[in-house]
Every structure is written in C-alpha cells, then in structure tokens.
Amino acid sequence: MEISGLVSALLIGAAVGLLGRLVLPGRQHIGVLWTLVVGIVAALLGSLLASVLEVRATRGVDWIEWIFQIALAVLGVAALDRVLAGTARRPLRRD
C-alpha cells in the first residue's frame, strides 16, 4: 500500500466510523477518538473482506465494500460501547 492509499484509508476510516456511530441507535459511551479508531479498523477489514469475496473491483462506487465497512464499524462501535459501558457500571472494589 502506498502512502496515498494509507492516507485515503485513514480518511475513509474516519468517515466510516462516524457513519457507523450515526447508524447505531441511542447514546454511545465512547469518545470520538475511539470512534475514529474503530472506523479505520472497520474500513481496512471491510476492504479486505470485499477483496476476499472479489466484490471490490467494480466500476464506479464500490457500494458493497462501503456496506461491509459501515456494518463492521457499527459492530465495532457497539462492541466497544458495551465493553466500556460495562466497566463504567462496575463499582470499584475497595478492600
């Protein structure tokens, strides 16, 4: 991957993370930085999944790849939100 591909993956990942957060109903307990990290990872995994399934090389906009990326971002945001919300609810043990 060239540097321009990496920069575009980061920008697309940020957009995918924000879209994934918007699609998920309710309030999330994670910050914007975590949303961007989840989006970047989801964008890279979604591109990999589209490449493996051979649906990446299409003319025009790769809608299937976008759907993969956003769905993975929604799952990632929801999973991280559940983990962080669970740790926020647990009281600290003081012995």
N, C-alpha and C. Protein backbone atom coordinates (compact mmCIF):
# COMPACT_ATOMS: atom_id res chain seq x y z
N MET A 1 0.85 -1.17 0.00
CA MET A 1 0.00 0.00 0.00
C MET A 1 0.90 1.23 0.00
N GLU A 2 0.60 2.15 -0.90
CA GLU A 2 1.36 3.38 -0.97
C GLU A 2 0.89 4.36 0.09
N ILE A 3 1.64 5.45 0.27
CA ILE A 3 1.29 6.43 1.29
C ILE A 3 -0.04 7.11 0.98
N SER A 4 -0.34 7.33 -0.30
CA SER A 4 -1.62 7.94 -0.65
C SER A 4 -2.78 7.00 -0.32
N GLY A 5 -2.56 5.70 -0.49
CA GLY A 5 -3.58 4.72 -0.13
C GLY A 5 -3.81 4.66 1.37
N LEU A 6 -2.72 4.82 2.13
CA LEU A 6 -2.83 4.82 3.59
C LEU A 6 -3.57 6.06 4.08
N VAL A 7 -3.26 7.21 3.50
CA VAL A 7 -3.93 8.44 3.89
C VAL A 7 -5.42 8.37 3.54
N SER A 8 -5.74 7.86 2.37
CA SER A 8 -7.14 7.74 2.00
C SER A 8 -7.86 6.72 2.88
N ALA A 9 -7.17 5.65 3.29
CA ALA A 9 -7.77 4.67 4.20
C ALA A 9 -8.07 5.31 5.54
N LEU A 10 -7.18 6.17 6.02
CA LEU A 10 -7.42 6.87 7.28
C LEU A 10 -8.61 7.82 7.18
N LEU A 11 -8.70 8.56 6.09
CA LEU A 11 -9.82 9.48 5.91
C LEU A 11 -11.14 8.74 5.73
N ILE A 12 -11.12 7.70 4.93
CA ILE A 12 -12.33 6.90 4.74
C ILE A 12 -12.70 6.21 6.05
N GLY A 13 -11.71 5.75 6.80
CA GLY A 13 -11.97 5.12 8.09
C GLY A 13 -12.62 6.07 9.07
N ALA A 14 -12.19 7.31 9.07
CA ALA A 14 -12.82 8.30 9.95
C ALA A 14 -14.28 8.51 9.56
N ALA A 15 -14.53 8.61 8.27
CA ALA A 15 -15.92 8.78 7.81
C ALA A 15 -16.76 7.54 8.12
N VAL A 16 -16.19 6.36 7.93
CA VAL A 16 -16.91 5.11 8.20
C VAL A 16 -17.23 5.00 9.69
N GLY A 17 -16.30 5.37 10.54
CA GLY A 17 -16.54 5.33 11.98
C GLY A 17 -17.67 6.26 12.40
N LEU A 18 -17.68 7.46 11.85
CA LEU A 18 -18.75 8.40 12.17
C LEU A 18 -20.09 7.92 11.62
N LEU A 19 -20.08 7.36 10.42
CA LEU A 19 -21.33 6.80 9.88
C LEU A 19 -21.82 5.62 10.71
N GLY A 20 -20.91 4.78 11.12
CA GLY A 20 -21.28 3.64 11.96
C GLY A 20 -21.88 4.09 13.28
N ARG A 21 -21.34 5.15 13.83
CA ARG A 21 -21.88 5.69 15.08
C ARG A 21 -23.26 6.30 14.87
N LEU A 22 -23.46 6.95 13.74
CA LEU A 22 -24.76 7.54 13.44
C LEU A 22 -25.83 6.49 13.20
N VAL A 23 -25.45 5.37 12.60
CA VAL A 23 -26.41 4.30 12.31
C VAL A 23 -26.86 3.62 13.60
N LEU A 24 -25.97 3.52 14.56
CA LEU A 24 -26.27 2.84 15.82
C LEU A 24 -27.21 3.69 16.65
N PRO A 25 -28.38 3.15 17.04
CA PRO A 25 -29.34 3.96 17.81
C PRO A 25 -28.88 4.16 19.25
N GLY A 26 -29.34 5.23 19.84
CA GLY A 26 -29.03 5.50 21.24
C GLY A 26 -27.72 6.24 21.43
N ARG A 27 -27.40 6.45 22.69
CA ARG A 27 -26.17 7.17 23.04
C ARG A 27 -25.04 6.17 23.26
N GLN A 28 -23.89 6.49 22.72
CA GLN A 28 -22.72 5.63 22.91
C GLN A 28 -21.83 6.23 24.00
N HIS A 29 -21.15 5.36 24.71
CA HIS A 29 -20.29 5.78 25.80
C HIS A 29 -18.82 5.84 25.40
N ILE A 30 -18.55 5.95 24.13
CA ILE A 30 -17.16 6.02 23.68
C ILE A 30 -16.93 7.40 23.07
N GLY A 31 -15.70 7.82 23.10
CA GLY A 31 -15.35 9.13 22.59
C GLY A 31 -15.12 9.12 21.09
N VAL A 32 -14.88 10.29 20.57
CA VAL A 32 -14.68 10.45 19.13
C VAL A 32 -13.40 9.75 18.68
N LEU A 33 -12.37 9.79 19.51
CA LEU A 33 -11.10 9.14 19.14
C LEU A 33 -11.30 7.64 18.95
N TRP A 34 -12.01 7.00 19.88
CA TRP A 34 -12.28 5.57 19.74
C TRP A 34 -13.15 5.29 18.52
N THR A 35 -14.10 6.19 18.24
CA THR A 35 -14.94 6.03 17.05
C THR A 35 -14.10 6.05 15.79
N LEU A 36 -13.13 6.96 15.73
CA LEU A 36 -12.25 7.04 14.57
C LEU A 36 -11.37 5.80 14.45
N VAL A 37 -10.87 5.31 15.57
CA VAL A 37 -10.03 4.10 15.54
C VAL A 37 -10.85 2.91 15.05
N VAL A 38 -12.06 2.76 15.58
CA VAL A 38 -12.94 1.66 15.14
C VAL A 38 -13.24 1.81 13.65
N GLY A 39 -13.49 3.04 13.20
CA GLY A 39 -13.77 3.27 11.78
C GLY A 39 -12.61 2.92 10.87
N ILE A 40 -11.41 3.25 11.29
CA ILE A 40 -10.22 2.94 10.49
C ILE A 40 -10.04 1.43 10.40
N VAL A 41 -10.18 0.75 11.52
CA VAL A 41 -10.05 -0.71 11.52
C VAL A 41 -11.16 -1.34 10.67
N ALA A 42 -12.39 -0.82 10.80
CA ALA A 42 -13.52 -1.34 10.02
C ALA A 42 -13.32 -1.10 8.52
N ALA A 43 -12.76 0.05 8.17
CA ALA A 43 -12.51 0.35 6.76
C ALA A 43 -11.48 -0.62 6.18
N LEU A 44 -10.43 -0.87 6.93
CA LEU A 44 -9.40 -1.79 6.44
C LEU A 44 -9.94 -3.22 6.35
N LEU A 45 -10.67 -3.66 7.38
CA LEU A 45 -11.24 -5.01 7.35
C LEU A 45 -12.32 -5.15 6.29
N GLY A 46 -13.12 -4.11 6.09
CA GLY A 46 -14.15 -4.14 5.06
C GLY A 46 -13.55 -4.22 3.67
N SER A 47 -12.47 -3.50 3.44
CA SER A 47 -11.78 -3.59 2.16
C SER A 47 -11.18 -4.96 1.95
N LEU A 48 -10.61 -5.53 3.01
CA LEU A 48 -10.05 -6.87 2.92
C LEU A 48 -11.15 -7.90 2.63
N LEU A 49 -12.28 -7.78 3.31
CA LEU A 49 -13.39 -8.69 3.09
C LEU A 49 -13.93 -8.58 1.66
N ALA A 50 -14.06 -7.36 1.16
CA ALA A 50 -14.52 -7.16 -0.21
C ALA A 50 -13.53 -7.74 -1.21
N SER A 51 -12.25 -7.62 -0.90
CA SER A 51 -11.23 -8.18 -1.78
C SER A 51 -11.27 -9.70 -1.78
N VAL A 52 -11.44 -10.29 -0.60
CA VAL A 52 -11.50 -11.75 -0.49
C VAL A 52 -12.73 -12.30 -1.23
N LEU A 53 -13.86 -11.60 -1.10
CA LEU A 53 -15.09 -12.03 -1.78
C LEU A 53 -15.16 -11.59 -3.24
N GLU A 54 -14.11 -10.90 -3.69
CA GLU A 54 -13.97 -10.45 -5.07
C GLU A 54 -15.12 -9.54 -5.52
N VAL A 55 -15.56 -8.66 -4.63
CA VAL A 55 -16.58 -7.68 -5.00
C VAL A 55 -16.01 -6.27 -4.97
N ARG A 56 -14.70 -6.17 -4.84
CA ARG A 56 -14.07 -4.87 -4.72
C ARG A 56 -13.86 -4.20 -6.08
N ALA A 57 -13.53 -4.95 -7.08
CA ALA A 57 -13.18 -4.38 -8.39
C ALA A 57 -14.43 -4.16 -9.23
N THR A 58 -15.09 -3.05 -8.98
CA THR A 58 -16.27 -2.68 -9.77
C THR A 58 -16.04 -1.31 -10.37
N ARG A 59 -16.83 -1.00 -11.38
CA ARG A 59 -16.75 0.34 -11.96
C ARG A 59 -17.59 1.27 -11.10
N GLY A 60 -17.08 2.47 -10.87
CA GLY A 60 -17.83 3.44 -10.07
C GLY A 60 -17.62 3.23 -8.59
N VAL A 61 -18.63 3.57 -7.83
CA VAL A 61 -18.56 3.48 -6.37
C VAL A 61 -18.72 2.02 -5.95
N ASP A 62 -17.89 1.59 -5.04
CA ASP A 62 -17.95 0.22 -4.52
C ASP A 62 -18.93 0.17 -3.35
N TRP A 63 -20.22 0.10 -3.68
CA TRP A 63 -21.27 0.15 -2.65
C TRP A 63 -21.19 -1.05 -1.71
N ILE A 64 -20.88 -2.21 -2.22
CA ILE A 64 -20.81 -3.41 -1.37
C ILE A 64 -19.67 -3.26 -0.37
N GLU A 65 -18.55 -2.74 -0.82
CA GLU A 65 -17.42 -2.51 0.09
C GLU A 65 -17.80 -1.51 1.18
N TRP A 66 -18.51 -0.44 0.80
CA TRP A 66 -18.97 0.55 1.78
C TRP A 66 -19.91 -0.08 2.79
N ILE A 67 -20.80 -0.94 2.32
CA ILE A 67 -21.74 -1.61 3.24
C ILE A 67 -20.98 -2.49 4.22
N PHE A 68 -19.99 -3.23 3.73
CA PHE A 68 -19.15 -4.04 4.62
C PHE A 68 -18.47 -3.16 5.67
N GLN A 69 -17.88 -2.06 5.22
CA GLN A 69 -17.15 -1.19 6.12
C GLN A 69 -18.06 -0.58 7.19
N ILE A 70 -19.22 -0.07 6.78
CA ILE A 70 -20.13 0.55 7.73
C ILE A 70 -20.70 -0.48 8.69
N ALA A 71 -21.04 -1.67 8.18
CA ALA A 71 -21.56 -2.73 9.06
C ALA A 71 -20.51 -3.13 10.10
N LEU A 72 -19.27 -3.26 9.68
CA LEU A 72 -18.20 -3.58 10.63
C LEU A 72 -17.97 -2.45 11.64
N ALA A 73 -18.13 -1.20 11.18
CA ALA A 73 -18.00 -0.07 12.10
C ALA A 73 -19.12 -0.07 13.13
N VAL A 74 -20.34 -0.37 12.70
CA VAL A 74 -21.47 -0.45 13.63
C VAL A 74 -21.22 -1.53 14.67
N LEU A 75 -20.79 -2.70 14.21
CA LEU A 75 -20.49 -3.79 15.14
C LEU A 75 -19.36 -3.42 16.10
N GLY A 76 -18.32 -2.77 15.57
CA GLY A 76 -17.19 -2.38 16.41
C GLY A 76 -17.56 -1.33 17.44
N VAL A 77 -18.33 -0.32 17.02
CA VAL A 77 -18.76 0.73 17.95
C VAL A 77 -19.66 0.13 19.02
N ALA A 78 -20.59 -0.74 18.62
CA ALA A 78 -21.49 -1.36 19.58
C ALA A 78 -20.73 -2.24 20.57
N ALA A 79 -19.77 -3.01 20.09
CA ALA A 79 -18.99 -3.89 20.97
C ALA A 79 -18.16 -3.07 21.95
N LEU A 80 -17.47 -2.07 21.46
CA LEU A 80 -16.64 -1.25 22.33
C LEU A 80 -17.50 -0.47 23.32
N ASP A 81 -18.65 0.01 22.87
CA ASP A 81 -19.57 0.72 23.76
C ASP A 81 -20.04 -0.20 24.88
N ARG A 82 -20.36 -1.44 24.54
CA ARG A 82 -20.82 -2.39 25.56
C ARG A 82 -19.71 -2.68 26.57
N VAL A 83 -18.49 -2.83 26.08
CA VAL A 83 -17.36 -3.10 26.97
C VAL A 83 -17.12 -1.90 27.90
N LEU A 84 -17.09 -0.71 27.32
CA LEU A 84 -16.81 0.48 28.13
C LEU A 84 -17.96 0.81 29.06
N ALA A 85 -19.20 0.60 28.63
CA ALA A 85 -20.35 0.86 29.50
C ALA A 85 -20.37 -0.15 30.64
N GLY A 86 -19.97 -1.38 30.38
CA GLY A 86 -19.92 -2.39 31.42
C GLY A 86 -18.88 -2.07 32.48
N THR A 87 -17.73 -1.52 32.07
CA THR A 87 -16.71 -1.17 33.05
C THR A 87 -17.10 0.09 33.81
N ALA A 88 -17.90 0.95 33.20
CA ALA A 88 -18.33 2.17 33.88
C ALA A 88 -19.38 1.85 34.95
N ARG A 89 -20.17 0.78 34.76
CA ARG A 89 -21.21 0.41 35.71
C ARG A 89 -20.67 -0.35 36.91
N ARG A 90 -19.54 -1.01 36.74
CA ARG A 90 -18.99 -1.80 37.85
C ARG A 90 -18.39 -0.90 38.91
N PRO A 91 -18.80 -1.09 40.15
CA PRO A 91 -18.17 -0.27 41.22
C PRO A 91 -16.75 -0.77 41.50
N LEU A 92 -15.93 0.14 41.92
CA LEU A 92 -14.56 -0.22 42.27
C LEU A 92 -14.56 -0.97 43.59
N ARG A 93 -13.79 -2.03 43.65
CA ARG A 93 -13.68 -2.80 44.90
C ARG A 93 -12.64 -2.15 45.78
N ARG A 94 -13.03 -1.91 46.98
CA ARG A 94 -12.07 -1.35 47.95
C ARG A 94 -11.97 -2.33 49.09
N ASP A 95 -10.83 -2.91 49.22
CA ASP A 95 -10.62 -3.90 50.29
C ASP A 95 -9.92 -3.28 51.45
